[in-house]
Each structure stands twice: as C-alpha cells, then as structure tokens.
C-alpha cells in the first residue's frame, strides 16, 4: 500500500524497537503523533497543506502501521521514549510536536519531560482529558481486541462504504495493528493529560470540539495550567476532536482517519509556531522558569 506522492518511508531504531515513519520534505520539522487504532497515513489529509512548506515527520506508534508491535511498552513512559527516539535519531532540531488523541497525551508528556525538545506543541483532542474512563481496564482490553480483529477482516470497499470515503483513504484504515499487543494499552495506569500542563514550557495550542457551557468551562480551566498556551473550541468538529477518546466507540475508527475541522487549523498553527515563536525567546523564557 503506497503513501501520498512526495512522501518517503523509512524506519528508525528507537527505545528497543523499529518504528516506521513517513517524511515529506526538508524544511522545519513538525512531528505528528497519531491516535490509537490509527497509523501515520491516517493523518495524510492533515499533512497535505503544511507538507508544501515544512518537513513533516509522521511516525507509526508501536503496534500500529509498519512499526514493531512487541508485547511490552504500551505505557506512557515508553510512548514518550518512542516519540523522542525518532526526533533524536533523525536530528530534528526544535520540532513542532502535534498529537491527536493518544498521540496528544504522548506529546504533552514528552513536552513536559523534555523542555528543550519542542519549539511548540499542538494537541488535538488529547485523550485522558477528564476523569477515569467509564470502562474498566479489562473491559477496554477486550473491546480493543475485538475491534482490531474485526477491522483486520474487513475490506477497503466495506470501510469506504461505511465512512463515505474513497478507496485510497479507506485503505489507510487497514493497518497492521497487533490486537493482542496494542490491547495492553488499556492495562496501563491512567494518567490525566492536563496533569502534565504545568510543566510544558513550549507555546501550546489545544484544540477541542465545541461543547456545553459547563464542559467548555472545565476545558478552559484545564488549559489555564499551561504556562504559555491556550485552548480553542472548534465548532462542528467531528469525532477526531470529540473529547471522548477514553471510551469505546464502535464506529469512531473509520471516521478518525478522515480529518476534521480542527485539523484544518494545523497549517495555521504550525507556521507561527515554527517562525514567530523563535528559538531565542523560547530558551530565554525557559531559563527564567
């Protein structure tokens, strides 16, 4: 299965496994971390516009796409190491880190632990946003196993018909996920993503779907913990910006590979992040903290 024109594909050794990544060019490097069930190609719609001006690197998380899927390492510590590994191995300097859903929580934790790593951060609907999941770890693990097993048996045409997409986009959904292994994600300790916000020094943009006034207030209060950031509610955003990624959703996977209105803001966010939020000012701000 190919990738969009102009993309290159390779692997990098990081944190004890081989991670596959796709790359678009040779300029300032946004790094894209996809959500659970997905792969880097699911973010093709997101990457198309900034790829004309930026060297976007989108990698497959462990157990997803073309990356290794061992029976260990699905907690947040290893996910952070998996993100940092390609950045360092590829020599990416001051990347803008973009994460969606589970990738959003990975990016937030990485930015909190490695203050020198990103020039800026964009989080689209990061998971583990509010309280504990409504389902138990055992129930979630069973759901993941069943869902991935179902997806591996479905055709491109079937997925395209369900989600009203063309065959090319639907084919990105047929990832080589290892159901028995990525289900271990559900067994790991639950850590709320906003708990990392006070330690994130880089300028940060959080994108969330619009919500009821009470939830909007909770979202904004959570984002207030960011030293240099803001949260934007996106009217009409679909399930890629739903704020419910900790719950099982039987039909959300097909839609998650299509892009959302929130993702339309990505090129706008990346440009000022990489240019206006300059290295000198950012590092001076970090030294003063």
Protein backbone atom coordinates (compact mmCIF):
# COMPACT_ATOMS: atom_id res chain seq x y z
CA UNK A 1 0.00 0.00 0.00
CA UNK A 2 1.56 3.30 -1.08
CA UNK A 3 1.75 6.71 0.56
CA UNK A 4 0.84 10.10 -0.94
CA UNK A 5 3.10 11.45 -3.68
CA UNK A 6 6.19 13.16 -2.32
CA UNK A 7 6.30 11.17 0.93
CA UNK A 8 9.27 8.96 1.75
CA UNK A 9 9.14 5.98 4.12
CA UNK A 10 11.84 4.52 6.34
CA UNK A 11 12.36 3.04 9.80
CA UNK A 12 14.36 4.22 12.79
CA UNK A 13 15.56 2.21 15.78
CA UNK A 14 14.23 3.76 18.98
CA UNK A 15 13.56 2.51 22.50
CA UNK A 16 14.41 -1.07 21.55
CA UNK A 17 12.07 -1.38 18.55
CA UNK A 18 11.87 -0.38 14.89
CA UNK A 19 9.45 2.49 14.26
CA UNK A 20 8.25 3.27 10.75
CA UNK A 21 7.90 6.91 9.74
CA UNK A 22 6.89 8.94 6.70
CA UNK A 23 8.54 12.24 5.75
CA UNK A 24 7.52 15.00 3.36
CA UNK A 25 10.42 17.38 2.80
CA UNK A 26 13.50 19.21 4.01
CA UNK A 27 12.32 22.27 5.99
CA UNK A 28 11.38 22.98 9.67
CA UNK A 29 10.06 19.72 11.11
CA UNK A 30 6.59 19.28 12.58
CA UNK A 31 6.34 15.77 14.08
CA UNK A 32 2.90 14.13 14.01
CA UNK A 33 1.78 11.51 16.56
CA UNK A 34 -1.46 9.75 15.57
CA UNK A 35 -4.18 8.34 17.80
CA UNK A 36 -4.99 4.83 18.95
CA UNK A 37 -6.07 2.33 16.22
CA UNK A 38 -4.59 4.61 13.55
CA UNK A 39 -1.30 4.94 11.70
CA UNK A 40 0.68 7.83 10.24
CA UNK A 41 -1.11 7.59 6.88
CA UNK A 42 -4.40 8.36 8.63
CA UNK A 43 -3.05 11.89 9.04
CA UNK A 44 -2.44 12.35 5.30
CA UNK A 45 -5.26 14.91 5.00
CA UNK A 46 -3.77 16.85 7.89
CA UNK A 47 -0.26 16.80 6.42
CA UNK A 48 -1.09 17.77 2.82
CA UNK A 49 -1.06 21.57 3.25
CA UNK A 50 1.94 22.03 5.59
CA UNK A 51 3.92 19.48 3.54
CA UNK A 52 4.35 22.16 0.87
CA UNK A 53 6.35 24.31 3.30
CA UNK A 54 7.53 22.01 6.10
CA UNK A 55 9.37 18.74 6.52
CA UNK A 56 6.56 16.86 8.27
CA UNK A 57 7.57 13.62 10.00
CA UNK A 58 4.66 11.30 10.87
CA UNK A 59 5.54 8.05 12.60
CA UNK A 60 3.59 4.85 13.33
CA UNK A 61 3.23 4.24 17.07
CA UNK A 62 4.35 0.87 18.37
CA UNK A 63 1.90 -1.87 17.44
CA UNK A 64 0.45 0.32 14.66
CA UNK A 65 1.13 0.56 10.94
CA UNK A 66 4.60 -0.60 9.97
CA UNK A 67 6.21 -0.27 13.40
CA UNK A 68 7.12 -3.17 15.64
CA UNK A 69 4.42 -4.46 17.99
CA UNK A 70 6.17 -6.14 20.93
CA UNK A 71 4.35 -7.46 23.97
CA UNK A 72 5.75 -4.68 26.18
CA UNK A 73 5.99 -0.90 26.30
CA UNK A 74 2.45 0.49 25.89
CA UNK A 75 2.51 2.76 28.94
CA UNK A 76 3.09 6.50 28.72
CA UNK A 77 6.81 6.27 29.61
CA UNK A 78 7.61 4.06 26.62
CA UNK A 79 5.28 6.04 24.34
CA UNK A 80 7.24 9.19 25.22
CA UNK A 81 10.52 7.38 24.55
CA UNK A 82 9.13 6.19 21.20
CA UNK A 83 8.39 9.81 20.23
CA UNK A 84 11.70 11.22 21.42
CA UNK A 85 13.66 8.42 19.70
CA UNK A 86 12.88 9.37 16.08
CA UNK A 87 13.30 13.09 16.83
CA UNK A 88 16.81 12.47 18.11
CA UNK A 89 17.74 9.76 15.60
CA UNK A 90 16.71 11.96 12.65
CA UNK A 91 18.47 15.01 14.10
CA UNK A 92 15.29 17.13 14.19
CA UNK A 93 16.02 20.43 15.88
CA UNK A 94 13.23 22.38 17.60
CA UNK A 95 10.32 20.45 16.05
CA UNK A 96 6.69 21.43 16.45
CA UNK A 97 5.04 18.43 18.11
CA UNK A 98 1.46 17.64 17.02
CA UNK A 99 -0.53 14.89 18.71
CA UNK A 100 -4.07 13.63 18.26
CA UNK A 101 -5.95 11.63 20.92
CA UNK A 102 -3.48 9.11 22.41
CA UNK A 103 -0.77 10.87 20.41
CA UNK A 104 -1.83 14.08 22.13
CA UNK A 105 -1.22 12.67 25.58
CA UNK A 106 2.13 11.32 24.38
CA UNK A 107 3.15 14.74 23.03
CA UNK A 108 2.03 16.54 26.20
CA UNK A 109 4.06 14.24 28.44
CA UNK A 110 7.09 14.46 26.14
CA UNK A 111 6.94 18.26 26.15
CA UNK A 112 6.64 18.28 29.97
CA UNK A 113 9.64 16.00 30.45
CA UNK A 114 11.92 17.29 27.71
CA UNK A 115 11.55 21.06 27.89
CA UNK A 116 14.29 21.60 25.32
CA UNK A 117 12.71 19.30 22.73
CA UNK A 118 9.80 21.18 21.05
CA UNK A 119 9.59 24.69 19.70
CA UNK A 120 5.81 24.48 20.09
CA UNK A 121 3.04 21.97 20.79
CA UNK A 122 -0.36 21.36 19.16
CA UNK A 123 -2.76 18.95 20.89
CA UNK A 124 -5.90 17.87 19.04
CA UNK A 125 -8.46 16.31 21.35
CA UNK A 126 -5.85 14.69 23.64
CA UNK A 127 -7.14 11.62 25.42
CA UNK A 128 -7.29 11.08 29.20
CA UNK A 129 -8.71 14.59 29.41
CA UNK A 130 -11.26 14.36 32.21
CA UNK A 131 -11.85 11.72 34.90
CA UNK A 132 -11.34 7.98 34.94
CA UNK A 133 -12.69 6.03 31.93
CA UNK A 134 -16.21 4.68 32.28
CA UNK A 135 -15.00 1.19 31.35
CA UNK A 136 -12.63 -0.95 33.38
CA UNK A 137 -9.17 -1.84 32.02
CA UNK A 138 -10.33 -5.43 31.46
CA UNK A 139 -13.41 -4.31 29.52
CA UNK A 140 -11.38 -1.89 27.44
CA UNK A 141 -8.78 -4.53 26.63
CA UNK A 142 -11.49 -6.92 25.44
CA UNK A 143 -13.08 -4.18 23.35
CA UNK A 144 -9.77 -3.35 21.68
CA UNK A 145 -9.04 -7.00 20.88
CA UNK A 146 -12.48 -7.48 19.34
CA UNK A 147 -12.39 -4.21 17.41
CA UNK A 148 -8.99 -4.76 15.82
CA UNK A 149 -9.87 -8.36 14.97
CA UNK A 150 -12.99 -7.05 13.22
CA UNK A 151 -11.04 -4.45 11.27
CA UNK A 152 -8.48 -6.94 10.01
CA UNK A 153 -11.25 -8.98 8.42
CA UNK A 154 -12.87 -6.08 6.56
CA UNK A 155 -12.21 -4.95 3.03
CA UNK A 156 -11.25 -1.49 1.82
CA UNK A 157 -14.58 -1.27 -0.01
CA UNK A 158 -16.53 -2.07 3.15
CA UNK A 159 -14.76 0.59 5.21
CA UNK A 160 -15.13 3.13 2.40
CA UNK A 161 -18.87 2.46 2.17
CA UNK A 162 -19.37 2.82 5.93
CA UNK A 163 -17.46 6.06 6.27
CA UNK A 164 -18.33 7.62 2.88
CA UNK A 165 -14.73 7.82 1.74
CA UNK A 166 -12.86 6.86 -1.38
CA UNK A 167 -10.82 3.66 -1.52
CA UNK A 168 -7.49 5.44 -1.07
CA UNK A 169 -8.48 6.98 2.25
CA UNK A 170 -10.25 3.84 3.44
CA UNK A 171 -7.15 1.77 2.71
CA UNK A 172 -5.25 3.77 5.34
CA UNK A 173 -7.54 2.23 7.95
CA UNK A 174 -6.29 -1.30 7.23
CA UNK A 175 -3.25 -1.08 9.48
CA UNK A 176 -1.12 -3.97 10.63
CA UNK A 177 -2.11 -3.47 14.27
CA UNK A 178 -1.32 -6.37 16.60
CA UNK A 179 -4.59 -6.82 18.51
CA UNK A 180 -3.10 -8.92 21.29
CA UNK A 181 -0.43 -6.32 21.93
CA UNK A 182 -1.99 -2.89 21.44
CA UNK A 183 -4.76 -4.03 23.80
CA UNK A 184 -2.11 -3.79 26.52
CA UNK A 185 -2.52 -0.03 26.23
CA UNK A 186 -5.77 -0.40 28.19
CA UNK A 187 -3.99 -2.14 31.05
CA UNK A 188 -1.61 0.73 31.75
CA UNK A 189 -2.02 3.24 34.56
CA UNK A 190 -4.49 6.03 33.75
CA UNK A 191 -2.88 9.48 33.96
CA UNK A 192 -4.84 12.61 33.12
CA UNK A 193 -3.17 14.56 30.33
CA UNK A 194 -3.80 18.04 31.82
CA UNK A 195 -1.76 16.99 34.86
CA UNK A 196 1.32 17.47 32.67
CA UNK A 197 0.38 21.01 31.60
CA UNK A 198 2.16 22.99 34.37
CA UNK A 199 5.47 21.51 33.22
CA UNK A 200 5.03 22.24 29.49
CA UNK A 201 7.22 25.26 28.72
CA UNK A 202 6.72 25.42 24.94
CA UNK A 203 3.92 27.53 23.43
CA UNK A 204 0.92 25.19 23.25
CA UNK A 205 -2.36 25.17 21.33
CA UNK A 206 -5.11 22.74 22.43
CA UNK A 207 -7.95 22.02 20.00
CA UNK A 208 -11.23 20.62 21.34
CA UNK A 209 -14.68 20.10 19.88
CA UNK A 210 -17.28 22.64 20.92
CA UNK A 211 -19.24 21.54 23.97
CA UNK A 212 -21.89 22.52 26.50
CA UNK A 213 -21.07 25.62 28.57
CA UNK A 214 -20.13 23.56 31.64
CA UNK A 215 -17.69 21.40 29.68
CA UNK A 216 -16.26 24.41 27.89
CA UNK A 217 -15.54 26.00 31.27
CA UNK A 218 -13.86 22.79 32.50
CA UNK A 219 -11.74 22.62 29.33
CA UNK A 220 -10.62 26.22 29.62
CA UNK A 221 -9.80 25.78 33.31
CA UNK A 222 -7.63 22.76 32.47
CA UNK A 223 -5.76 24.71 29.79
CA UNK A 224 -5.14 27.56 32.22
CA UNK A 225 -2.45 25.36 33.77
CA UNK A 226 -0.32 25.81 30.63
CA UNK A 227 2.37 28.47 31.27
CA UNK A 228 2.24 29.58 27.62
CA UNK A 229 -0.83 28.19 25.90
CA UNK A 230 -4.47 28.44 25.03
CA UNK A 231 -7.43 26.20 24.21
CA UNK A 232 -9.74 26.70 21.23
CA UNK A 233 -13.14 25.03 20.87
CA UNK A 234 -13.79 24.17 17.23
CA UNK A 235 -17.46 24.42 16.17
CA UNK A 236 -18.71 21.43 14.18
CA UNK A 237 -15.64 19.26 14.81
CA UNK A 238 -16.23 15.54 14.34
CA UNK A 239 -15.00 12.55 16.36
CA UNK A 240 -11.35 13.40 15.80
CA UNK A 241 -11.96 16.29 18.18
CA UNK A 242 -14.58 14.70 20.44
CA UNK A 243 -13.15 14.77 23.93
CA UNK A 244 -14.32 11.19 24.46
CA UNK A 245 -11.31 9.17 23.39
CA UNK A 246 -11.14 7.19 26.63
CA UNK A 247 -14.46 5.48 25.86
CA UNK A 248 -15.03 2.57 23.48
CA UNK A 249 -16.72 3.74 20.28
CA UNK A 250 -17.79 1.07 17.85
CA UNK A 251 -17.78 3.28 14.77
CA UNK A 252 -15.28 6.01 15.55
CA UNK A 253 -12.23 4.37 14.00
CA UNK A 254 -13.32 4.72 10.40
CA UNK A 255 -14.14 8.38 10.87
CA UNK A 256 -10.91 9.11 12.72
CA UNK A 257 -8.90 8.67 9.52
CA UNK A 258 -10.78 11.38 7.63
CA UNK A 259 -9.56 14.58 9.28
CA UNK A 260 -11.66 17.24 11.00
CA UNK A 261 -12.33 20.94 11.10
CA UNK A 262 -9.84 21.13 13.93
CA UNK A 263 -7.16 19.72 11.68
CA UNK A 264 -7.79 22.48 9.18
CA UNK A 265 -6.11 24.80 11.69
CA UNK A 266 -2.90 22.76 11.74
CA UNK A 267 -1.06 24.65 8.95
CA UNK A 268 -2.09 27.92 10.60
CA UNK A 269 -0.78 26.72 13.96
CA UNK A 270 2.47 25.31 12.64
CA UNK A 271 3.56 28.40 10.73
CA UNK A 272 3.65 30.84 13.68
CA UNK A 273 4.88 28.07 15.97
CA UNK A 274 7.95 27.44 13.85
CA UNK A 275 8.59 31.04 12.83
CA UNK A 276 7.23 33.60 15.30
CA UNK A 277 7.88 31.55 18.42
CA UNK A 278 11.61 31.82 17.88
CA UNK A 279 14.31 29.77 19.48
CA UNK A 280 15.98 32.66 21.32
CA UNK A 281 12.86 33.93 23.07
CA UNK A 282 11.73 30.44 23.94
CA UNK A 283 15.03 29.43 25.52
CA UNK A 284 15.26 32.69 27.44
CA UNK A 285 11.76 32.06 28.79
CA UNK A 286 12.77 28.53 29.86
CA UNK A 287 15.89 29.78 31.64
CA UNK A 288 13.73 32.20 33.62
CA UNK A 289 11.35 29.49 34.89
